[in-house]
PDB file of all heavy atoms in Angstrom:
ATOM      1  N   VAL A   1     -37.758 -80.735-162.355  1.00  0.00           N
ATOM      2  CA  VAL A   1     -38.926 -81.447-162.853  1.00  0.00           C
ATOM      3  C   VAL A   1     -39.520 -82.239-161.693  1.00  0.00           C
ATOM      4  O   VAL A   1     -38.824 -83.036-161.058  1.00  0.00           O
ATOM      5  CB  VAL A   1     -38.561 -82.402-164.009  1.00  0.00           C
ATOM      6  CG1 VAL A   1     -39.803 -83.099-164.538  1.00  0.00           C
ATOM      7  CG2 VAL A   1     -37.835 -81.648-165.123  1.00  0.00           C
ATOM      8  N   TRP A   2     -40.798 -82.008-161.411  1.00  0.00           N
ATOM      9  CA  TRP A   2     -41.486 -82.667-160.290  1.00  0.00           C
ATOM     10  C   TRP A   2     -42.638 -83.511-160.819  1.00  0.00           C
ATOM     11  O   TRP A   2     -43.291 -83.149-161.797  1.00  0.00           O
ATOM     12  CB  TRP A   2     -42.035 -81.622-159.328  1.00  0.00           C
ATOM     13  CG  TRP A   2     -40.960 -80.930-158.556  1.00  0.00           C
ATOM     14  CD1 TRP A   2     -40.095 -79.968-159.016  1.00  0.00           C
ATOM     15  CD2 TRP A   2     -40.615 -81.144-157.192  1.00  0.00           C
ATOM     16  NE1 TRP A   2     -39.241 -79.581-158.022  1.00  0.00           N
ATOM     17  CE2 TRP A   2     -39.545 -80.274-156.888  1.00  0.00           C
ATOM     18  CE3 TRP A   2     -41.115 -81.974-156.195  1.00  0.00           C
ATOM     19  CZ2 TRP A   2     -38.967 -80.228-155.626  1.00  0.00           C
ATOM     20  CZ3 TRP A   2     -40.544 -81.922-154.937  1.00  0.00           C
ATOM     21  CH2 TRP A   2     -39.475 -81.062-154.653  1.00  0.00           C
ATOM     22  N   LEU A   3     -42.878 -84.640-160.152  1.00  0.00           N
ATOM     23  CA  LEU A   3     -44.001 -85.508-160.472  1.00  0.00           C
ATOM     24  C   LEU A   3     -44.536 -86.077-159.174  1.00  0.00           C
ATOM     25  O   LEU A   3     -43.779 -86.684-158.397  1.00  0.00           O
ATOM     26  CB  LEU A   3     -43.568 -86.640-161.414  1.00  0.00           C
ATOM     27  CG  LEU A   3     -44.663 -87.615-161.832  1.00  0.00           C
ATOM     28  CD1 LEU A   3     -45.741 -86.906-162.654  1.00  0.00           C
ATOM     29  CD2 LEU A   3     -44.080 -88.773-162.625  1.00  0.00           C
ATOM     30  N   LEU A   4     -45.802 -85.839-158.915  1.00  0.00           N
ATOM     31  CA  LEU A   4     -46.469 -86.353-157.718  1.00  0.00           C
ATOM     32  C   LEU A   4     -45.731 -85.968-156.435  1.00  0.00           C
ATOM     33  O   LEU A   4     -45.541 -86.784-155.540  1.00  0.00           O
ATOM     34  CB  LEU A   4     -46.643 -87.872-157.803  1.00  0.00           C
ATOM     35  CG  LEU A   4     -47.422 -88.379-159.023  1.00  0.00           C
ATOM     36  CD1 LEU A   4     -47.389 -89.890-159.086  1.00  0.00           C
ATOM     37  CD2 LEU A   4     -48.844 -87.851-159.009  1.00  0.00           C
ATOM     38  N   GLY A   5     -45.271 -84.714-156.365  1.00  0.00           N
ATOM     39  CA  GLY A   5     -44.609 -84.213-155.174  1.00  0.00           C
ATOM     40  C   GLY A   5     -43.175 -84.647-154.986  1.00  0.00           C
ATOM     41  O   GLY A   5     -42.576 -84.403-153.951  1.00  0.00           O
ATOM     42  N   GLU A   6     -42.590 -85.270-155.985  1.00  0.00           N
ATOM     43  CA  GLU A   6     -41.207 -85.740-155.900  1.00  0.00           C
ATOM     44  C   GLU A   6     -40.397 -85.171-157.055  1.00  0.00           C
ATOM     45  O   GLU A   6     -40.841 -85.172-158.202  1.00  0.00           O
ATOM     46  CB  GLU A   6     -41.173 -87.270-155.968  1.00  0.00           C
ATOM     47  CG  GLU A   6     -39.790 -87.848-155.875  1.00  0.00           C
ATOM     48  CD  GLU A   6     -39.795 -89.371-155.918  1.00  0.00           C
ATOM     49  OE1 GLU A   6     -40.862 -89.984-155.868  1.00  0.00           O
ATOM     50  OE2 GLU A   6     -38.697 -89.933-156.019  1.00  0.00           O
ATOM     51  N   CYS A   7     -39.207 -84.692-156.747  1.00  0.00           N
ATOM     52  CA  CYS A   7     -38.326 -84.192-157.794  1.00  0.00           C
ATOM     53  C   CYS A   7     -37.724 -85.389-158.529  1.00  0.00           C
ATOM     54  O   CYS A   7     -37.136 -86.269-157.914  1.00  0.00           O
ATOM     55  CB  CYS A   7     -37.223 -83.330-157.190  1.00  0.00           C
ATOM     56  SG  CYS A   7     -36.123 -82.661-158.441  1.00  0.00           S
ATOM     57  N   VAL A   8     -37.904 -85.421-159.847  1.00  0.00           N
ATOM     58  CA  VAL A   8     -37.407 -86.550-160.627  1.00  0.00           C
ATOM     59  C   VAL A   8     -36.237 -86.183-161.528  1.00  0.00           C
ATOM     60  O   VAL A   8     -35.555 -87.063-162.039  1.00  0.00           O
ATOM     61  CB  VAL A   8     -38.535 -87.203-161.466  1.00  0.00           C
ATOM     62  CG1 VAL A   8     -39.590 -87.806-160.557  1.00  0.00           C
ATOM     63  CG2 VAL A   8     -39.154 -86.204-162.426  1.00  0.00           C
ATOM     64  N   ALA A   9     -35.997 -84.882-161.722  1.00  0.00           N
ATOM     65  CA  ALA A   9     -34.875 -84.458-162.565  1.00  0.00           C
ATOM     66  C   ALA A   9     -34.622 -82.972-162.377  1.00  0.00           C
ATOM     67  O   ALA A   9     -35.492 -82.239-161.923  1.00  0.00           O
ATOM     68  CB  ALA A   9     -35.179 -84.736-164.040  1.00  0.00           C
ATOM     69  N   SER A  10     -33.414 -82.568-162.737  1.00  0.00           N
ATOM     70  CA  SER A  10     -33.094 -81.144-162.783  1.00  0.00           C
ATOM     71  C   SER A  10     -32.054 -80.953-163.867  1.00  0.00           C
ATOM     72  O   SER A  10     -31.316 -81.878-164.206  1.00  0.00           O
ATOM     73  CB  SER A  10     -32.569 -80.651-161.437  1.00  0.00           C
ATOM     74  OG  SER A  10     -31.354 -81.260-161.107  1.00  0.00           O
ATOM     75  N   GLY A  11     -32.026 -79.764-164.438  1.00  0.00           N
ATOM     76  CA  GLY A  11     -31.050 -79.480-165.478  1.00  0.00           C
ATOM     77  C   GLY A  11     -31.478 -78.316-166.330  1.00  0.00           C
ATOM     78  O   GLY A  11     -32.421 -77.590-166.003  1.00  0.00           O
ATOM     79  N   VAL A  12     -30.800 -78.159-167.452  1.00  0.00           N
ATOM     80  CA  VAL A  12     -31.056 -77.055-168.369  1.00  0.00           C
ATOM     81  C   VAL A  12     -32.023 -77.526-169.457  1.00  0.00           C
ATOM     82  O   VAL A  12     -31.838 -78.596-170.037  1.00  0.00           O
ATOM     83  CB  VAL A  12     -29.742 -76.563-169.009  1.00  0.00           C
ATOM     84  CG1 VAL A  12     -30.008 -75.473-170.037  1.00  0.00           C
ATOM     85  CG2 VAL A  12     -28.798 -76.073-167.935  1.00  0.00           C
ATOM     86  N   VAL A  13     -33.047 -76.716-169.724  1.00  0.00           N
ATOM     87  CA  VAL A  13     -33.999 -77.041-170.783  1.00  0.00           C
ATOM     88  C   VAL A  13     -33.295 -76.856-172.127  1.00  0.00           C
ATOM     89  O   VAL A  13     -32.811 -75.779-172.453  1.00  0.00           O
ATOM     90  CB  VAL A  13     -35.255 -76.151-170.710  1.00  0.00           C
ATOM     91  CG1 VAL A  13     -36.187 -76.447-171.880  1.00  0.00           C
ATOM     92  CG2 VAL A  13     -35.966 -76.357-169.384  1.00  0.00           C
ATOM     93  N   ASP A  14     -33.228 -77.938-172.885  1.00  0.00           N
ATOM     94  CA  ASP A  14     -32.571 -77.939-174.183  1.00  0.00           C
ATOM     95  C   ASP A  14     -33.511 -77.424-175.260  1.00  0.00           C
ATOM     96  O   ASP A  14     -33.122 -76.647-176.127  1.00  0.00           O
ATOM     97  CB  ASP A  14     -32.107 -79.360-174.505  1.00  0.00           C
ATOM     98  CG  ASP A  14     -31.345 -79.472-175.803  1.00  0.00           C
ATOM     99  OD1 ASP A  14     -30.568 -78.550-176.103  1.00  0.00           O
ATOM    100  OD2 ASP A  14     -31.521 -80.471-176.511  1.00  0.00           O
ATOM    101  N   GLN A  15     -34.770 -77.862-175.191  1.00  0.00           N
ATOM    102  CA  GLN A  15     -35.737 -77.511-176.226  1.00  0.00           C
ATOM    103  C   GLN A  15     -37.133 -77.692-175.652  1.00  0.00           C
ATOM    104  O   GLN A  15     -37.339 -78.492-174.740  1.00  0.00           O
ATOM    105  CB  GLN A  15     -35.548 -78.427-177.434  1.00  0.00           C
ATOM    106  CG  GLN A  15     -36.379 -78.076-178.628  1.00  0.00           C
ATOM    107  CD  GLN A  15     -36.071 -78.986-179.819  1.00  0.00           C
ATOM    108  OE1 GLN A  15     -35.267 -79.910-179.724  1.00  0.00           O
ATOM    109  NE2 GLN A  15     -36.695 -78.710-180.943  1.00  0.00           N
ATOM    110  N   ALA A  16     -38.098 -76.942-176.185  1.00  0.00           N
ATOM    111  CA  ALA A  16     -39.498 -77.089-175.780  1.00  0.00           C
ATOM    112  C   ALA A  16     -40.373 -76.970-177.020  1.00  0.00           C
ATOM    113  O   ALA A  16     -40.040 -76.243-177.961  1.00  0.00           O
ATOM    114  CB  ALA A  16     -39.881 -76.017-174.767  1.00  0.00           C
ATOM    115  N   ALA A  17     -41.492 -77.676-176.999  1.00  0.00           N
ATOM    116  CA  ALA A  17     -42.438 -77.581-178.112  1.00  0.00           C
ATOM    117  C   ALA A  17     -43.056 -76.189-178.126  1.00  0.00           C
ATOM    118  O   ALA A  17     -43.242 -75.571-177.075  1.00  0.00           O
ATOM    119  CB  ALA A  17     -43.528 -78.643-177.964  1.00  0.00           C
ATOM    120  N   GLU A  18     -43.393 -75.688-179.302  1.00  0.00           N
ATOM    121  CA  GLU A  18     -43.988 -74.359-179.432  1.00  0.00           C
ATOM    122  C   GLU A  18     -45.270 -74.218-178.637  1.00  0.00           C
ATOM    123  O   GLU A  18     -45.565 -73.150-178.108  1.00  0.00           O
ATOM    124  CB  GLU A  18     -44.248 -74.027-180.902  1.00  0.00           C
ATOM    125  CG  GLU A  18     -43.000 -73.688-181.673  1.00  0.00           C
ATOM    126  CD  GLU A  18     -43.298 -73.250-183.098  1.00  0.00           C
ATOM    127  OE1 GLU A  18     -44.424 -72.796-183.373  1.00  0.00           O
ATOM    128  OE2 GLU A  18     -42.394 -73.367-183.935  1.00  0.00           O
ATOM    129  N   ASP A  19     -46.034 -75.309-178.537  1.00  0.00           N
ATOM    130  CA  ASP A  19     -47.288 -75.248-177.789  1.00  0.00           C
ATOM    131  C   ASP A  19     -47.088 -75.475-176.288  1.00  0.00           C
ATOM    132  O   ASP A  19     -48.043 -75.442-175.509  1.00  0.00           O
ATOM    133  CB  ASP A  19     -48.305 -76.239-178.342  1.00  0.00           C
ATOM    134  CG  ASP A  19     -47.905 -77.696-178.159  1.00  0.00           C
ATOM    135  OD1 ASP A  19     -46.822 -77.975-177.588  1.00  0.00           O
ATOM    136  OD2 ASP A  19     -48.674 -78.575-178.591  1.00  0.00           O
ATOM    137  N   GLY A  20     -45.840 -75.700-175.869  1.00  0.00           N
ATOM    138  CA  GLY A  20     -45.532 -75.867-174.454  1.00  0.00           C
ATOM    139  C   GLY A  20     -45.978 -77.193-173.859  1.00  0.00           C
ATOM    140  O   GLY A  20     -46.006 -77.353-172.647  1.00  0.00           O
ATOM    141  N   SER A  21     -46.270 -78.172-174.673  1.00  0.00           N
ATOM    142  CA  SER A  21     -46.770 -79.454-174.168  1.00  0.00           C
ATOM    143  C   SER A  21     -45.665 -80.382-173.686  1.00  0.00           C
ATOM    144  O   SER A  21     -45.907 -81.237-172.830  1.00  0.00           O
ATOM    145  CB  SER A  21     -47.599 -80.158-175.238  1.00  0.00           C
ATOM    146  OG  SER A  21     -46.801 -80.418-176.388  1.00  0.00           O
ATOM    147  N   VAL A  22     -44.465 -80.233-174.231  1.00  0.00           N
ATOM    148  CA  VAL A  22     -43.328 -81.070-173.839  1.00  0.00           C
ATOM    149  C   VAL A  22     -42.059 -80.233-173.812  1.00  0.00           C
ATOM    150  O   VAL A  22     -41.974 -79.187-174.453  1.00  0.00           O
ATOM    151  CB  VAL A  22     -43.112 -82.281-174.791  1.00  0.00           C
ATOM    152  CG1 VAL A  22     -44.306 -83.202-174.806  1.00  0.00           C
ATOM    153  CG2 VAL A  22     -42.765 -81.816-176.184  1.00  0.00           C
ATOM    154  N   LEU A  23     -41.074 -80.730-173.043  1.00  0.00           N
ATOM    155  CA  LEU A  23     -39.745 -80.120-173.080  1.00  0.00           C
ATOM    156  C   LEU A  23     -38.695 -81.189-172.880  1.00  0.00           C
ATOM    157  O   LEU A  23     -38.988 -82.291-172.416  1.00  0.00           O
ATOM    158  CB  LEU A  23     -39.600 -78.979-172.069  1.00  0.00           C
ATOM    159  CG  LEU A  23     -39.771 -79.230-170.576  1.00  0.00           C
ATOM    160  CD1 LEU A  23     -38.627 -80.017-169.957  1.00  0.00           C
ATOM    161  CD2 LEU A  23     -39.876 -77.892-169.875  1.00  0.00           C
ATOM    162  N   TRP A  24     -37.480 -80.859-173.269  1.00  0.00           N
ATOM    163  CA  TRP A  24     -36.351 -81.763-173.150  1.00  0.00           C
ATOM    164  C   TRP A  24     -35.318 -81.145-172.217  1.00  0.00           C
ATOM    165  O   TRP A  24     -34.976 -79.968-172.346  1.00  0.00           O
ATOM    166  CB  TRP A  24     -35.693 -82.005-174.502  1.00  0.00           C
ATOM    167  CG  TRP A  24     -36.499 -82.825-175.447  1.00  0.00           C
ATOM    168  CD1 TRP A  24     -36.372 -84.162-175.686  1.00  0.00           C
ATOM    169  CD2 TRP A  24     -37.547 -82.373-176.313  1.00  0.00           C
ATOM    170  NE1 TRP A  24     -37.281 -84.565-176.635  1.00  0.00           N
ATOM    171  CE2 TRP A  24     -38.023 -83.485-177.032  1.00  0.00           C
ATOM    172  CE3 TRP A  24     -38.146 -81.134-176.531  1.00  0.00           C
ATOM    173  CZ2 TRP A  24     -39.049 -83.401-177.962  1.00  0.00           C
ATOM    174  CZ3 TRP A  24     -39.176 -81.037-177.449  1.00  0.00           C
ATOM    175  CH2 TRP A  24     -39.613 -82.163-178.159  1.00  0.00           C
ATOM    176  N   ILE A  25     -34.809 -81.958-171.297  1.00  0.00           N
ATOM    177  CA  ILE A  25     -33.709 -81.546-170.434  1.00  0.00           C
ATOM    178  C   ILE A  25     -32.424 -82.028-171.111  1.00  0.00           C
ATOM    179  O   ILE A  25     -32.326 -83.188-171.511  1.00  0.00           O
ATOM    180  CB  ILE A  25     -33.836 -82.164-169.018  1.00  0.00           C
ATOM    181  CG1 ILE A  25     -35.142 -81.733-168.351  1.00  0.00           C
ATOM    182  CG2 ILE A  25     -32.618 -81.806-168.162  1.00  0.00           C
ATOM    183  CD1 ILE A  25     -35.228 -80.265-168.022  1.00  0.00           C
ATOM    184  N   ALA A  26     -31.461 -81.144-171.242  1.00  0.00           N
ATOM    185  CA  ALA A  26     -30.207 -81.448-171.941  1.00  0.00           C
ATOM    186  C   ALA A  26     -29.450 -82.586-171.258  1.00  0.00           C
ATOM    187  O   ALA A  26     -29.522 -82.758-170.045  1.00  0.00           O
ATOM    188  CB  ALA A  26     -29.327 -80.206-171.997  1.00  0.00           C
ATOM    189  N   ALA A  27     -28.724 -83.329-172.070  1.00  0.00           N
ATOM    190  CA  ALA A  27     -27.854 -84.384-171.561  1.00  0.00           C
ATOM    191  C   ALA A  27     -26.749 -83.760-170.720  1.00  0.00           C
ATOM    192  O   ALA A  27     -26.284 -82.661-171.003  1.00  0.00           O
ATOM    193  CB  ALA A  27     -27.258 -85.173-172.722  1.00  0.00           C
ATOM    194  N   GLU A  28     -26.337 -84.483-169.666  1.00  0.00           N
ATOM    195  CA  GLU A  28     -25.257 -84.013-168.814  1.00  0.00           C
ATOM    196  C   GLU A  28     -24.492 -85.222-168.301  1.00  0.00           C
ATOM    197  O   GLU A  28     -25.082 -86.142-167.750  1.00  0.00           O
ATOM    198  CB  GLU A  28     -25.819 -83.211-167.641  1.00  0.00           C
ATOM    199  CG  GLU A  28     -24.760 -82.611-166.758  1.00  0.00           C
ATOM    200  CD  GLU A  28     -25.351 -81.764-165.646  1.00  0.00           C
ATOM    201  OE1 GLU A  28     -26.557 -81.506-165.629  1.00  0.00           O
ATOM    202  OE2 GLU A  28     -24.575 -81.383-164.773  1.00  0.00           O
ATOM    203  N   GLY A  29     -23.174 -85.209-168.481  1.00  0.00           N
ATOM    204  CA  GLY A  29     -22.372 -86.354-168.053  1.00  0.00           C
ATOM    205  C   GLY A  29     -22.812 -87.605-168.795  1.00  0.00           C
ATOM    206  O   GLY A  29     -22.932 -87.602-170.012  1.00  0.00           O
ATOM    207  N   ILE A  30     -23.107 -88.667-168.042  1.00  0.00           N
ATOM    208  CA  ILE A  30     -23.550 -89.911-168.679  1.00  0.00           C
ATOM    209  C   ILE A  30     -25.063 -89.961-168.872  1.00  0.00           C
ATOM    210  O   ILE A  30     -25.582 -90.884-169.468  1.00  0.00           O
ATOM    211  CB  ILE A  30     -23.084 -91.147-167.874  1.00  0.00           C
ATOM    212  CG1 ILE A  30     -23.691 -91.156-166.481  1.00  0.00           C
ATOM    213  CG2 ILE A  30     -21.579 -91.232-167.833  1.00  0.00           C
ATOM    214  CD1 ILE A  30     -23.496 -92.458-165.740  1.00  0.00           C
ATOM    215  N   SER A  31     -25.776 -88.949-168.362  1.00  0.00           N
ATOM    216  CA  SER A  31     -27.228 -88.888-168.537  1.00  0.00           C
ATOM    217  C   SER A  31     -27.564 -88.471-169.960  1.00  0.00           C
ATOM    218  O   SER A  31     -26.922 -87.598-170.530  1.00  0.00           O
ATOM    219  CB  SER A  31     -27.842 -87.879-167.568  1.00  0.00           C
ATOM    220  OG  SER A  31     -27.645 -88.274-166.250  1.00  0.00           O
TER     221      SER A  31
END
């Protein structure tokens, strides 16, 4: 996941909205 040229997160996509407007990155460890 990138924002303004900076990587802010990485992981497995847990779920996404049908219209593709949002997605969720799965929890991992304490995140």
